[in-house]
Amino acid sequence: MKKNIISIFAVLAAISAMTLSCKPDEVINPDGGVNQEQTPGEDTPTTKTVTVSVDFTSQPFTTDLPTSKKALSNVDFVLSQNEAEYTFTINSPKDKNCILLGEGQGFRMNADGSSNSCYVKLPALEGLKLTSVYVKVSNTPGTGKKLYVNTTNDQATAPIMVSVADNDGDENISAVEAQEYTFELSDSSAGTQYWLCSPAKATTFTTWVLTYSE
């Protein structure tokens, strides 16, 4: 009888030791492993993404684009969207050749012969990286062939991304019917301003879609 009582106390002591060795937020598995419990109410982390869309089938900005041919020299246009405001700086200095066309045809820009002259400074968002630039251009033959995205309008600096027509086969660039371009920026920096450049022929844009992520 005495031996049985001693055995019972030994078992109870072993159970107590196991209980003390288990932290409050851990669970002992039947096979002896330990799982970390998720804190009640704890959410899975999410990545913040912001999409900014510009539709040139109508006036997209708070200040109207010209509807008669005009030169634009580093003019700011503000887009109000997502309960925020985004500033696009447009430079298309060729005399009388910058215009929002009628009947939903899009917005035309044209270089003046200088390779660095025709561009759009895209918005920079604090804490977010520009990860994708989607551009749709009109059906005009040859338009958009020289489009590229860079941290400058200087064509002498190697562009981060150039359009399909100039770099056929680049896996980071996609085109649909040679009129839709998606520029994927894998090494962009948060809060940095990027430029959409068209250094050659006239380009008529119908849509821009910018994607920013943490």
N, C-alpha and C. Protein backbone atom coordinates (compact mmCIF):
# COMPACT_ATOMS: atom_id res chain seq x y z
N MET A 1 0.84 -1.22 0.00
CA MET A 1 0.00 0.00 0.00
C MET A 1 0.87 1.25 0.00
N LYS A 2 1.92 1.22 0.81
CA LYS A 2 2.83 2.37 0.90
C LYS A 2 3.49 2.62 -0.43
N LYS A 3 3.88 1.52 -1.14
CA LYS A 3 4.52 1.66 -2.45
C LYS A 3 3.57 2.30 -3.45
N ASN A 4 2.27 1.89 -3.39
CA ASN A 4 1.28 2.44 -4.32
C ASN A 4 1.11 3.94 -4.10
N ILE A 5 1.07 4.38 -2.83
CA ILE A 5 0.92 5.81 -2.51
C ILE A 5 2.11 6.59 -3.04
N ILE A 6 3.31 6.04 -2.87
CA ILE A 6 4.52 6.70 -3.37
C ILE A 6 4.47 6.83 -4.89
N SER A 7 3.98 5.79 -5.58
CA SER A 7 3.89 5.80 -7.05
C SER A 7 2.92 6.88 -7.52
N ILE A 8 1.78 7.01 -6.81
CA ILE A 8 0.78 8.03 -7.18
C ILE A 8 1.38 9.41 -7.05
N PHE A 9 2.11 9.68 -5.96
CA PHE A 9 2.75 10.99 -5.77
C PHE A 9 3.79 11.26 -6.84
N ALA A 10 4.49 10.22 -7.27
CA ALA A 10 5.51 10.38 -8.31
C ALA A 10 4.88 10.77 -9.63
N VAL A 11 3.73 10.16 -9.96
CA VAL A 11 3.02 10.49 -11.21
C VAL A 11 2.52 11.92 -11.16
N LEU A 12 1.93 12.31 -10.02
CA LEU A 12 1.41 13.68 -9.89
C LEU A 12 2.53 14.70 -10.03
N ALA A 13 3.70 14.40 -9.46
CA ALA A 13 4.85 15.31 -9.55
C ALA A 13 5.32 15.45 -10.99
N ALA A 14 5.30 14.35 -11.74
CA ALA A 14 5.73 14.39 -13.14
C ALA A 14 4.77 15.23 -13.97
N ILE A 15 3.45 15.07 -13.73
CA ILE A 15 2.45 15.86 -14.46
C ILE A 15 2.61 17.33 -14.16
N SER A 16 2.85 17.65 -12.87
CA SER A 16 3.04 19.05 -12.47
C SER A 16 4.24 19.66 -13.15
N ALA A 17 5.34 18.92 -13.28
CA ALA A 17 6.55 19.41 -13.94
C ALA A 17 6.29 19.69 -15.40
N MET A 18 5.51 18.81 -16.07
CA MET A 18 5.17 19.02 -17.48
C MET A 18 4.34 20.29 -17.64
N THR A 19 3.38 20.53 -16.75
CA THR A 19 2.51 21.70 -16.82
C THR A 19 3.31 22.97 -16.67
N LEU A 20 4.26 22.99 -15.70
CA LEU A 20 5.06 24.19 -15.47
C LEU A 20 5.99 24.49 -16.63
N SER A 21 6.42 23.46 -17.35
CA SER A 21 7.36 23.68 -18.45
C SER A 21 6.68 24.18 -19.71
N CYS A 22 5.36 24.14 -19.74
CA CYS A 22 4.61 24.59 -20.92
C CYS A 22 4.19 26.03 -20.75
N LYS A 23 4.66 26.93 -21.65
CA LYS A 23 4.32 28.36 -21.57
C LYS A 23 2.84 28.56 -21.83
N PRO A 24 2.28 29.64 -21.32
CA PRO A 24 0.83 29.87 -21.46
C PRO A 24 0.37 29.91 -22.90
N ASP A 25 1.23 30.34 -23.83
CA ASP A 25 0.78 30.48 -25.21
C ASP A 25 1.27 29.33 -26.09
N GLU A 26 1.62 28.19 -25.46
CA GLU A 26 2.05 27.02 -26.21
C GLU A 26 1.12 25.86 -25.95
N VAL A 27 1.08 24.92 -26.91
CA VAL A 27 0.25 23.73 -26.78
C VAL A 27 1.12 22.50 -26.98
N ILE A 28 1.03 21.55 -26.06
CA ILE A 28 1.77 20.30 -26.19
C ILE A 28 1.00 19.39 -27.13
N ASN A 29 1.63 18.95 -28.21
CA ASN A 29 1.02 18.00 -29.13
C ASN A 29 1.09 16.59 -28.56
N PRO A 30 0.23 15.69 -29.01
CA PRO A 30 0.29 14.30 -28.54
C PRO A 30 1.64 13.66 -28.82
N ASP A 31 2.33 14.10 -29.90
CA ASP A 31 3.62 13.51 -30.22
C ASP A 31 4.77 14.21 -29.52
N GLY A 32 4.46 15.18 -28.65
CA GLY A 32 5.48 15.84 -27.86
C GLY A 32 5.95 17.15 -28.44
N GLY A 33 5.52 17.51 -29.69
CA GLY A 33 5.92 18.77 -30.29
C GLY A 33 5.19 19.94 -29.68
N VAL A 34 5.70 21.17 -29.93
CA VAL A 34 5.09 22.38 -29.39
C VAL A 34 4.64 23.27 -30.54
N ASN A 35 3.37 23.71 -30.55
CA ASN A 35 2.84 24.66 -31.53
C ASN A 35 2.63 26.02 -30.88
N GLN A 36 2.97 27.08 -31.58
CA GLN A 36 2.72 28.43 -31.08
C GLN A 36 1.28 28.81 -31.42
N GLU A 37 0.51 29.18 -30.44
CA GLU A 37 -0.86 29.59 -30.69
C GLU A 37 -0.91 31.01 -31.23
N GLN A 38 -1.89 31.29 -32.11
CA GLN A 38 -2.09 32.65 -32.61
C GLN A 38 -2.87 33.43 -31.56
N THR A 39 -2.44 34.63 -31.29
CA THR A 39 -3.13 35.48 -30.32
C THR A 39 -4.55 35.73 -30.79
N PRO A 40 -5.54 35.55 -29.92
CA PRO A 40 -6.94 35.78 -30.33
C PRO A 40 -7.13 37.17 -30.92
N GLY A 41 -7.80 37.22 -32.08
CA GLY A 41 -8.08 38.51 -32.71
C GLY A 41 -6.94 39.04 -33.57
N GLU A 42 -5.82 38.30 -33.63
CA GLU A 42 -4.68 38.76 -34.41
C GLU A 42 -4.95 38.55 -35.90
N ASP A 43 -4.77 39.61 -36.73
CA ASP A 43 -5.05 39.55 -38.16
C ASP A 43 -3.79 39.18 -38.93
N THR A 44 -3.98 38.53 -40.07
CA THR A 44 -2.88 38.23 -40.97
C THR A 44 -2.41 39.52 -41.63
N PRO A 45 -1.10 39.82 -41.63
CA PRO A 45 -0.61 41.06 -42.23
C PRO A 45 -1.00 41.15 -43.70
N THR A 46 -1.39 42.34 -44.16
CA THR A 46 -1.75 42.56 -45.55
C THR A 46 -0.85 43.63 -46.15
N THR A 47 -0.63 43.54 -47.45
CA THR A 47 0.18 44.52 -48.17
C THR A 47 -0.71 45.60 -48.75
N LYS A 48 -0.39 46.85 -48.48
CA LYS A 48 -1.19 47.95 -48.99
C LYS A 48 -0.91 48.16 -50.47
N THR A 49 -1.97 48.26 -51.25
CA THR A 49 -1.86 48.50 -52.68
C THR A 49 -2.80 49.63 -53.07
N VAL A 50 -2.31 50.56 -53.89
CA VAL A 50 -3.13 51.67 -54.39
C VAL A 50 -3.10 51.65 -55.91
N THR A 51 -4.26 51.72 -56.54
CA THR A 51 -4.37 51.77 -58.00
C THR A 51 -4.90 53.14 -58.40
N VAL A 52 -4.20 53.78 -59.32
CA VAL A 52 -4.58 55.10 -59.82
C VAL A 52 -4.87 54.97 -61.31
N SER A 53 -6.11 55.27 -61.72
CA SER A 53 -6.52 55.10 -63.11
C SER A 53 -6.85 56.44 -63.74
N VAL A 54 -6.35 56.64 -64.97
CA VAL A 54 -6.64 57.86 -65.73
C VAL A 54 -7.29 57.46 -67.03
N ASP A 55 -8.52 57.93 -67.25
CA ASP A 55 -9.30 57.61 -68.45
C ASP A 55 -9.40 58.85 -69.32
N PHE A 56 -8.78 58.79 -70.51
CA PHE A 56 -8.75 59.96 -71.38
C PHE A 56 -9.89 59.99 -72.39
N THR A 57 -10.92 59.17 -72.18
CA THR A 57 -12.08 59.28 -73.05
C THR A 57 -12.95 60.46 -72.64
N SER A 58 -12.61 61.08 -71.50
CA SER A 58 -13.25 62.32 -71.05
C SER A 58 -12.21 63.10 -70.26
N GLN A 59 -12.56 64.27 -69.76
CA GLN A 59 -11.63 65.08 -68.98
C GLN A 59 -11.35 64.39 -67.64
N PRO A 60 -10.13 63.94 -67.38
CA PRO A 60 -9.87 63.18 -66.16
C PRO A 60 -9.42 64.02 -64.97
N PHE A 61 -8.91 65.23 -65.22
CA PHE A 61 -8.27 66.01 -64.17
C PHE A 61 -9.18 67.13 -63.66
N THR A 62 -8.80 67.69 -62.52
CA THR A 62 -9.58 68.80 -61.96
C THR A 62 -9.44 70.05 -62.82
N THR A 63 -8.32 70.19 -63.51
CA THR A 63 -8.13 71.25 -64.51
C THR A 63 -8.19 70.61 -65.88
N ASP A 64 -8.98 71.16 -66.79
CA ASP A 64 -9.18 70.53 -68.08
C ASP A 64 -7.92 70.54 -68.95
N LEU A 65 -7.72 69.44 -69.63
CA LEU A 65 -6.71 69.38 -70.68
C LEU A 65 -7.19 70.22 -71.87
N PRO A 66 -6.26 70.72 -72.69
CA PRO A 66 -6.68 71.54 -73.83
C PRO A 66 -7.49 70.72 -74.84
N THR A 67 -8.55 71.33 -75.36
CA THR A 67 -9.37 70.67 -76.38
C THR A 67 -9.10 71.27 -77.76
N SER A 68 -8.21 72.24 -77.81
CA SER A 68 -7.68 72.73 -79.07
C SER A 68 -6.16 72.61 -78.99
N LYS A 69 -5.49 72.45 -80.11
CA LYS A 69 -4.07 72.17 -80.12
C LYS A 69 -3.27 73.23 -79.38
N LYS A 70 -2.41 72.75 -78.48
CA LYS A 70 -1.68 73.67 -77.61
C LYS A 70 -0.40 72.99 -77.11
N ALA A 71 0.61 73.78 -76.83
CA ALA A 71 1.83 73.24 -76.21
C ALA A 71 1.67 73.27 -74.69
N LEU A 72 2.18 72.23 -74.02
CA LEU A 72 2.20 72.18 -72.56
C LEU A 72 3.64 72.05 -72.10
N SER A 73 4.09 72.96 -71.27
CA SER A 73 5.46 72.93 -70.79
C SER A 73 5.48 72.75 -69.28
N ASN A 74 5.67 71.50 -68.83
CA ASN A 74 5.71 71.16 -67.41
C ASN A 74 4.51 71.73 -66.65
N VAL A 75 3.34 71.36 -67.10
CA VAL A 75 2.08 71.81 -66.50
C VAL A 75 1.54 70.71 -65.59
N ASP A 76 1.18 71.08 -64.36
CA ASP A 76 0.62 70.13 -63.40
C ASP A 76 -0.87 69.94 -63.61
N PHE A 77 -1.30 68.69 -63.58
CA PHE A 77 -2.72 68.35 -63.62
C PHE A 77 -3.01 67.41 -62.45
N VAL A 78 -4.09 67.69 -61.75
CA VAL A 78 -4.42 66.95 -60.52
C VAL A 78 -5.58 66.00 -60.78
N LEU A 79 -5.40 64.75 -60.38
CA LEU A 79 -6.45 63.74 -60.45
C LEU A 79 -7.00 63.52 -59.05
N SER A 80 -8.31 63.64 -58.90
CA SER A 80 -8.95 63.40 -57.62
C SER A 80 -9.58 62.01 -57.65
N GLN A 81 -9.06 61.11 -56.81
CA GLN A 81 -9.49 59.71 -56.84
C GLN A 81 -9.10 59.04 -55.53
N ASN A 82 -9.85 58.03 -55.14
CA ASN A 82 -9.55 57.27 -53.91
C ASN A 82 -9.51 58.18 -52.67
N GLU A 83 -10.30 59.25 -52.68
CA GLU A 83 -10.32 60.24 -51.60
C GLU A 83 -8.93 60.87 -51.41
N ALA A 84 -8.19 60.97 -52.52
CA ALA A 84 -6.86 61.58 -52.49
C ALA A 84 -6.65 62.35 -53.79
N GLU A 85 -5.56 63.11 -53.86
CA GLU A 85 -5.22 63.85 -55.06
C GLU A 85 -3.83 63.44 -55.54
N TYR A 86 -3.70 63.25 -56.85
CA TYR A 86 -2.46 62.80 -57.46
C TYR A 86 -2.07 63.80 -58.55
N THR A 87 -0.82 64.23 -58.52
CA THR A 87 -0.37 65.24 -59.47
C THR A 87 0.46 64.62 -60.59
N PHE A 88 0.05 64.89 -61.82
CA PHE A 88 0.77 64.48 -63.02
C PHE A 88 1.33 65.74 -63.69
N THR A 89 2.62 65.75 -64.01
CA THR A 89 3.23 66.89 -64.69
C THR A 89 3.46 66.52 -66.15
N ILE A 90 2.82 67.27 -67.05
CA ILE A 90 2.87 66.94 -68.47
C ILE A 90 3.74 67.94 -69.22
N ASN A 91 4.63 67.40 -70.02
CA ASN A 91 5.47 68.24 -70.87
C ASN A 91 5.36 67.75 -72.31
N SER A 92 4.77 68.56 -73.15
CA SER A 92 4.63 68.26 -74.57
C SER A 92 4.73 69.59 -75.31
N PRO A 93 5.95 70.07 -75.52
CA PRO A 93 6.15 71.46 -75.94
C PRO A 93 5.98 71.73 -77.43
N LYS A 94 5.82 70.68 -78.24
CA LYS A 94 5.69 70.96 -79.66
C LYS A 94 4.48 71.85 -79.92
N ASP A 95 4.70 72.92 -80.64
CA ASP A 95 3.68 73.95 -80.83
C ASP A 95 2.38 73.38 -81.41
N LYS A 96 1.29 73.64 -80.70
CA LYS A 96 -0.06 73.33 -81.17
C LYS A 96 -0.27 71.85 -81.50
N ASN A 97 0.30 70.97 -80.70
CA ASN A 97 0.09 69.55 -80.99
C ASN A 97 -0.17 68.73 -79.74
N CYS A 98 -0.72 69.35 -78.71
CA CYS A 98 -1.10 68.64 -77.50
C CYS A 98 -2.59 68.89 -77.30
N ILE A 99 -3.39 67.82 -77.27
CA ILE A 99 -4.84 68.04 -77.29
C ILE A 99 -5.59 66.80 -76.78
N LEU A 100 -6.68 67.05 -76.05
CA LEU A 100 -7.63 66.00 -75.73
C LEU A 100 -8.59 65.91 -76.89
N LEU A 101 -8.53 64.83 -77.63
CA LEU A 101 -9.33 64.68 -78.83
C LEU A 101 -10.80 64.43 -78.49
N GLY A 102 -11.66 64.77 -79.39
CA GLY A 102 -13.09 64.59 -79.17
C GLY A 102 -13.55 63.16 -79.37
N GLU A 103 -14.80 62.91 -78.99
CA GLU A 103 -15.46 61.63 -79.20
C GLU A 103 -14.69 60.45 -78.58
N GLY A 104 -14.11 60.70 -77.41
CA GLY A 104 -13.45 59.63 -76.66
C GLY A 104 -12.23 59.04 -77.32
N GLN A 105 -11.53 59.83 -78.14
CA GLN A 105 -10.39 59.30 -78.89
C GLN A 105 -9.09 59.29 -78.08
N GLY A 106 -9.01 60.06 -77.00
CA GLY A 106 -7.82 60.04 -76.18
C GLY A 106 -7.08 61.36 -76.15
N PHE A 107 -5.90 61.31 -75.51
CA PHE A 107 -5.07 62.51 -75.30
C PHE A 107 -3.78 62.37 -76.08
N ARG A 108 -3.51 63.34 -76.98
CA ARG A 108 -2.34 63.27 -77.84
C ARG A 108 -1.21 64.14 -77.32
N MET A 109 -0.01 63.54 -77.28
CA MET A 109 1.21 64.28 -76.96
C MET A 109 2.19 64.09 -78.10
N ASN A 110 3.10 65.06 -78.28
CA ASN A 110 4.05 64.95 -79.38
C ASN A 110 5.36 65.61 -79.00
N ALA A 111 6.45 64.91 -79.26
CA ALA A 111 7.78 65.48 -79.02
C ALA A 111 8.07 66.56 -80.05
N ASP A 112 9.00 67.45 -79.72
CA ASP A 112 9.31 68.56 -80.62
C ASP A 112 10.58 68.32 -81.43
N GLY A 113 11.00 67.07 -81.48
CA GLY A 113 12.23 66.74 -82.19
C GLY A 113 13.37 66.42 -81.25
N SER A 114 13.25 66.87 -80.00
CA SER A 114 14.26 66.55 -78.98
C SER A 114 13.88 65.23 -78.31
N SER A 115 14.85 64.35 -78.15
CA SER A 115 14.55 63.01 -77.62
C SER A 115 14.08 63.04 -76.17
N ASN A 116 14.32 64.14 -75.46
CA ASN A 116 13.98 64.19 -74.04
C ASN A 116 12.76 65.08 -73.75
N SER A 117 12.04 65.47 -74.76
CA SER A 117 11.09 66.57 -74.56
C SER A 117 9.69 66.15 -74.15
N CYS A 118 9.25 64.95 -74.51
CA CYS A 118 7.84 64.61 -74.32
C CYS A 118 7.71 63.57 -73.21
N TYR A 119 7.10 63.97 -72.09
CA TYR A 119 7.05 63.06 -70.95
C TYR A 119 5.93 63.45 -69.99
N VAL A 120 5.66 62.53 -69.06
CA VAL A 120 4.72 62.76 -67.96
C VAL A 120 5.42 62.35 -66.67
N LYS A 121 5.50 63.26 -65.71
CA LYS A 121 6.00 62.89 -64.38
C LYS A 121 4.83 62.26 -63.63
N LEU A 122 5.01 61.02 -63.22
CA LEU A 122 3.96 60.29 -62.52
C LEU A 122 3.99 60.59 -61.03
N PRO A 123 2.87 60.48 -60.35
CA PRO A 123 2.83 60.78 -58.91
C PRO A 123 3.75 59.87 -58.11
N ALA A 124 4.36 60.43 -57.07
CA ALA A 124 5.14 59.65 -56.10
C ALA A 124 4.33 59.59 -54.81
N LEU A 125 4.11 58.38 -54.29
CA LEU A 125 3.31 58.20 -53.07
C LEU A 125 4.23 57.81 -51.92
N GLU A 126 4.11 58.53 -50.83
CA GLU A 126 4.97 58.30 -49.68
C GLU A 126 4.76 56.89 -49.12
N GLY A 127 5.85 56.18 -48.95
CA GLY A 127 5.80 54.84 -48.37
C GLY A 127 5.40 53.74 -49.33
N LEU A 128 5.11 54.09 -50.59
CA LEU A 128 4.68 53.10 -51.57
C LEU A 128 5.58 53.13 -52.80
N LYS A 129 5.80 51.96 -53.40
CA LYS A 129 6.60 51.84 -54.61
C LYS A 129 5.69 51.75 -55.84
N LEU A 130 6.09 52.39 -56.92
CA LEU A 130 5.39 52.21 -58.18
C LEU A 130 5.83 50.86 -58.75
N THR A 131 4.89 49.93 -58.87
CA THR A 131 5.25 48.57 -59.29
C THR A 131 4.79 48.23 -60.70
N SER A 132 3.80 48.95 -61.20
CA SER A 132 3.28 48.62 -62.53
C SER A 132 2.71 49.87 -63.19
N VAL A 133 2.98 50.00 -64.49
CA VAL A 133 2.40 51.08 -65.30
C VAL A 133 1.76 50.44 -66.52
N TYR A 134 0.44 50.52 -66.60
CA TYR A 134 -0.29 50.02 -67.76
C TYR A 134 -0.67 51.21 -68.63
N VAL A 135 -0.39 51.11 -69.93
CA VAL A 135 -0.67 52.19 -70.86
C VAL A 135 -1.43 51.63 -72.06
N LYS A 136 -2.52 52.27 -72.40
CA LYS A 136 -3.24 51.91 -73.62
C LYS A 136 -3.21 53.11 -74.55
N VAL A 137 -2.82 52.86 -75.81
CA VAL A 137 -2.72 53.94 -76.79
C VAL A 137 -3.71 53.68 -77.91
N SER A 138 -3.92 54.71 -78.73
CA SER A 138 -4.90 54.59 -79.81
C SER A 138 -4.40 53.66 -80.89
N ASN A 139 -5.22 53.41 -81.86
CA ASN A 139 -4.93 52.44 -82.91
C ASN A 139 -4.10 53.02 -84.05
N THR A 140 -3.51 54.20 -83.83
CA THR A 140 -2.71 54.83 -84.88
C THR A 140 -1.45 54.01 -85.14
N PRO A 141 -1.17 53.63 -86.39
CA PRO A 141 0.04 52.83 -86.68
C PRO A 141 1.31 53.54 -86.21
N GLY A 142 2.17 52.80 -85.51
CA GLY A 142 3.45 53.36 -85.09
C GLY A 142 3.43 54.08 -83.77
N THR A 143 2.26 54.39 -83.25
CA THR A 143 2.21 55.15 -82.01
C THR A 143 2.71 54.31 -80.84
N GLY A 144 3.37 54.96 -79.90
CA GLY A 144 3.81 54.27 -78.70
C GLY A 144 5.06 53.44 -78.83
N LYS A 145 5.68 53.43 -80.01
CA LYS A 145 6.83 52.54 -80.21
C LYS A 145 8.03 52.91 -79.35
N LYS A 146 8.11 54.14 -78.88
CA LYS A 146 9.27 54.56 -78.11
C LYS A 146 8.94 54.82 -76.64
N LEU A 147 7.84 54.34 -76.18
CA LEU A 147 7.47 54.56 -74.78
C LEU A 147 8.46 53.88 -73.83
N TYR A 148 8.79 54.57 -72.74
CA TYR A 148 9.57 53.92 -71.69
C TYR A 148 9.28 54.59 -70.34
N VAL A 149 9.64 53.88 -69.27
CA VAL A 149 9.47 54.37 -67.90
C VAL A 149 10.85 54.46 -67.27
N ASN A 150 11.14 55.60 -66.63
CA ASN A 150 12.47 55.79 -66.06
C ASN A 150 12.39 56.74 -64.87
N THR A 151 13.51 56.94 -64.19
CA THR A 151 13.58 57.90 -63.09
C THR A 151 13.96 59.29 -63.60
N THR A 152 14.08 59.44 -64.90
CA THR A 152 14.43 60.72 -65.53
C THR A 152 13.86 60.73 -66.94
N ASN A 153 13.80 61.92 -67.54
CA ASN A 153 13.38 62.00 -68.94
C ASN A 153 14.56 61.94 -69.89
N ASP A 154 15.76 61.77 -69.35
CA ASP A 154 16.98 61.76 -70.15
C ASP A 154 17.15 60.41 -70.83
N GLN A 155 16.99 60.39 -72.14
CA GLN A 155 17.07 59.13 -72.87
C GLN A 155 18.48 58.56 -72.86
N ALA A 156 19.47 59.40 -72.57
CA ALA A 156 20.85 58.92 -72.51
C ALA A 156 21.06 58.00 -71.31
N THR A 157 20.21 58.16 -70.29
CA THR A 157 20.25 57.25 -69.14
C THR A 157 19.44 56.01 -69.47
N ALA A 158 20.01 54.86 -69.24
CA ALA A 158 19.33 53.62 -69.62
C ALA A 158 17.95 53.54 -68.97
N PRO A 159 16.89 53.41 -69.77
CA PRO A 159 15.54 53.33 -69.21
C PRO A 159 15.36 52.08 -68.35
N ILE A 160 14.55 52.22 -67.32
CA ILE A 160 14.21 51.06 -66.49
C ILE A 160 13.40 50.06 -67.31
N MET A 161 12.43 50.58 -68.05
CA MET A 161 11.59 49.74 -68.88
C MET A 161 11.30 50.44 -70.19
N VAL A 162 11.43 49.72 -71.31
CA VAL A 162 11.07 50.28 -72.60
C VAL A 162 9.93 49.46 -73.19
N SER A 163 9.28 49.99 -74.19
CA SER A 163 8.10 49.33 -74.71
C SER A 163 8.45 48.11 -75.56
N VAL A 164 7.45 47.27 -75.77
CA VAL A 164 7.62 46.03 -76.52
C VAL A 164 8.21 46.27 -77.90
N ALA A 165 7.81 47.35 -78.55
CA ALA A 165 8.28 47.61 -79.91
C ALA A 165 9.79 47.82 -79.96
N ASP A 166 10.38 48.25 -78.86
CA ASP A 166 11.82 48.49 -78.82
C ASP A 166 12.60 47.36 -78.18
N ASN A 167 11.90 46.47 -77.48
CA ASN A 167 12.61 45.44 -76.73
C ASN A 167 11.81 44.14 -76.78
N ASP A 168 11.61 43.66 -77.97
CA ASP A 168 10.75 42.49 -78.18
C ASP A 168 11.31 41.28 -77.43
N GLY A 169 10.43 40.62 -76.70
CA GLY A 169 10.83 39.41 -76.00
C GLY A 169 11.17 39.61 -74.54
N ASP A 170 11.21 40.85 -74.06
CA ASP A 170 11.50 41.07 -72.64
C ASP A 170 10.34 40.50 -71.82
N GLU A 171 10.64 39.58 -70.91
CA GLU A 171 9.59 38.88 -70.17
C GLU A 171 8.83 39.79 -69.22
N ASN A 172 9.39 40.96 -68.91
CA ASN A 172 8.71 41.86 -67.97
C ASN A 172 7.73 42.80 -68.65
N ILE A 173 7.62 42.72 -69.96
CA ILE A 173 6.77 43.64 -70.70
C ILE A 173 5.74 42.83 -71.48
N SER A 174 4.50 43.26 -71.44
CA SER A 174 3.47 42.55 -72.20
C SER A 174 2.74 43.53 -73.11
N ALA A 175 2.24 43.04 -74.22
CA ALA A 175 1.50 43.88 -75.16
C ALA A 175 0.33 43.09 -75.72
N VAL A 176 -0.80 43.75 -75.90
CA VAL A 176 -1.97 43.14 -76.50
C VAL A 176 -2.27 43.93 -77.77
N GLU A 177 -2.17 43.24 -78.90
CA GLU A 177 -2.38 43.86 -80.20
C GLU A 177 -1.47 45.08 -80.39
N ALA A 178 -0.31 45.05 -79.76
CA ALA A 178 0.71 46.10 -79.89
C ALA A 178 0.22 47.48 -79.49
N GLN A 179 -0.91 47.55 -78.77
CA GLN A 179 -1.45 48.85 -78.38
C GLN A 179 -1.63 48.97 -76.87
N GLU A 180 -1.39 47.90 -76.15
CA GLU A 180 -1.47 47.93 -74.69
C GLU A 180 -0.13 47.51 -74.13
N TYR A 181 0.40 48.31 -73.22
CA TYR A 181 1.72 48.06 -72.68
C TYR A 181 1.66 47.99 -71.15
N THR A 182 2.30 46.98 -70.57
CA THR A 182 2.40 46.87 -69.12
C THR A 182 3.87 46.86 -68.74
N PHE A 183 4.28 47.88 -68.00
CA PHE A 183 5.65 47.99 -67.53
C PHE A 183 5.69 47.55 -66.07
N GLU A 184 6.41 46.47 -65.79
CA GLU A 184 6.54 45.97 -64.42
C GLU A 184 7.87 46.44 -63.84
N LEU A 185 7.83 47.15 -62.73
CA LEU A 185 9.04 47.69 -62.09
C LEU A 185 9.33 46.86 -60.84
N SER A 186 10.33 46.01 -60.92
CA SER A 186 10.62 45.10 -59.81
C SER A 186 11.55 45.72 -58.77
N ASP A 187 12.32 46.74 -59.14
CA ASP A 187 13.29 47.33 -58.22
C ASP A 187 13.01 48.80 -57.94
N SER A 188 11.76 49.19 -57.98
CA SER A 188 11.42 50.59 -57.73
C SER A 188 11.58 50.93 -56.25
N SER A 189 11.64 52.23 -55.97
CA SER A 189 11.84 52.70 -54.59
C SER A 189 10.61 53.47 -54.12
N ALA A 190 10.30 53.34 -52.85
CA ALA A 190 9.14 54.02 -52.27
C ALA A 190 9.33 55.53 -52.32
N GLY A 191 8.25 56.23 -52.63
CA GLY A 191 8.28 57.69 -52.62
C GLY A 191 9.07 58.32 -53.76
N THR A 192 9.44 57.53 -54.76
CA THR A 192 10.27 58.02 -55.86
C THR A 192 9.40 58.36 -57.07
N GLN A 193 9.71 59.47 -57.73
CA GLN A 193 8.95 59.87 -58.91
C GLN A 193 9.52 59.21 -60.16
N TYR A 194 8.63 58.66 -60.96
CA TYR A 194 9.02 58.04 -62.22
C TYR A 194 8.39 58.80 -63.38
N TRP A 195 8.97 58.62 -64.55
CA TRP A 195 8.56 59.35 -65.74
C TRP A 195 8.09 58.37 -66.82
N LEU A 196 6.99 58.70 -67.45
CA LEU A 196 6.52 57.98 -68.63
C LEU A 196 6.91 58.85 -69.82
N CYS A 197 7.79 58.34 -70.68
CA CYS A 197 8.37 59.15 -71.75
C CYS A 197 8.00 58.61 -73.13
N SER A 198 7.79 59.56 -74.04
CA SER A 198 7.51 59.22 -75.43
C SER A 198 8.38 60.11 -76.30
N PRO A 199 9.62 59.70 -76.54
CA PRO A 199 10.58 60.60 -77.17
C PRO A 199 10.50 60.69 -78.68
N ALA A 200 9.63 59.92 -79.31
CA ALA A 200 9.63 59.93 -80.78
C ALA A 200 8.33 60.51 -81.33
N LYS A 201 7.56 59.68 -82.02
CA LYS A 201 6.36 60.16 -82.71
C LYS A 201 5.26 60.57 -81.73
N ALA A 202 4.23 61.16 -82.30
CA ALA A 202 3.06 61.51 -81.50
C ALA A 202 2.45 60.26 -80.88
N THR A 203 2.03 60.38 -79.64
CA THR A 203 1.38 59.26 -78.95
C THR A 203 0.02 59.71 -78.44
N THR A 204 -1.01 58.94 -78.75
CA THR A 204 -2.35 59.24 -78.28
C THR A 204 -2.74 58.22 -77.21
N PHE A 205 -2.82 58.69 -75.98
CA PHE A 205 -3.14 57.82 -74.85
C PHE A 205 -4.65 57.75 -74.63
N THR A 206 -5.14 56.57 -74.29
CA THR A 206 -6.54 56.44 -73.89
C THR A 206 -6.67 56.07 -72.41
N THR A 207 -5.66 55.39 -71.87
CA THR A 207 -5.73 54.93 -70.46
C THR A 207 -4.33 54.84 -69.86
N TRP A 208 -4.24 55.26 -68.60
CA TRP A 208 -3.07 54.97 -67.77
C TRP A 208 -3.59 54.30 -66.50
N VAL A 209 -2.94 53.23 -66.06
CA VAL A 209 -3.26 52.61 -64.77
C VAL A 209 -1.95 52.39 -64.02
N LEU A 210 -1.82 53.05 -62.88
CA LEU A 210 -0.61 52.95 -62.07
C LEU A 210 -0.91 52.12 -60.82
N THR A 211 -0.02 51.20 -60.49
CA THR A 211 -0.18 50.39 -59.29
C THR A 211 0.98 50.65 -58.34
N TYR A 212 0.65 50.95 -57.09
CA TYR A 212 1.65 51.21 -56.05
C TYR A 212 1.46 50.18 -54.94
N SER A 213 2.60 49.71 -54.39
CA SER A 213 2.53 48.73 -53.30
C SER A 213 3.61 49.03 -52.27
N GLU A 214 3.41 48.48 -51.07
CA GLU A 214 4.41 48.63 -50.01
C GLU A 214 5.67 47.85 -50.34
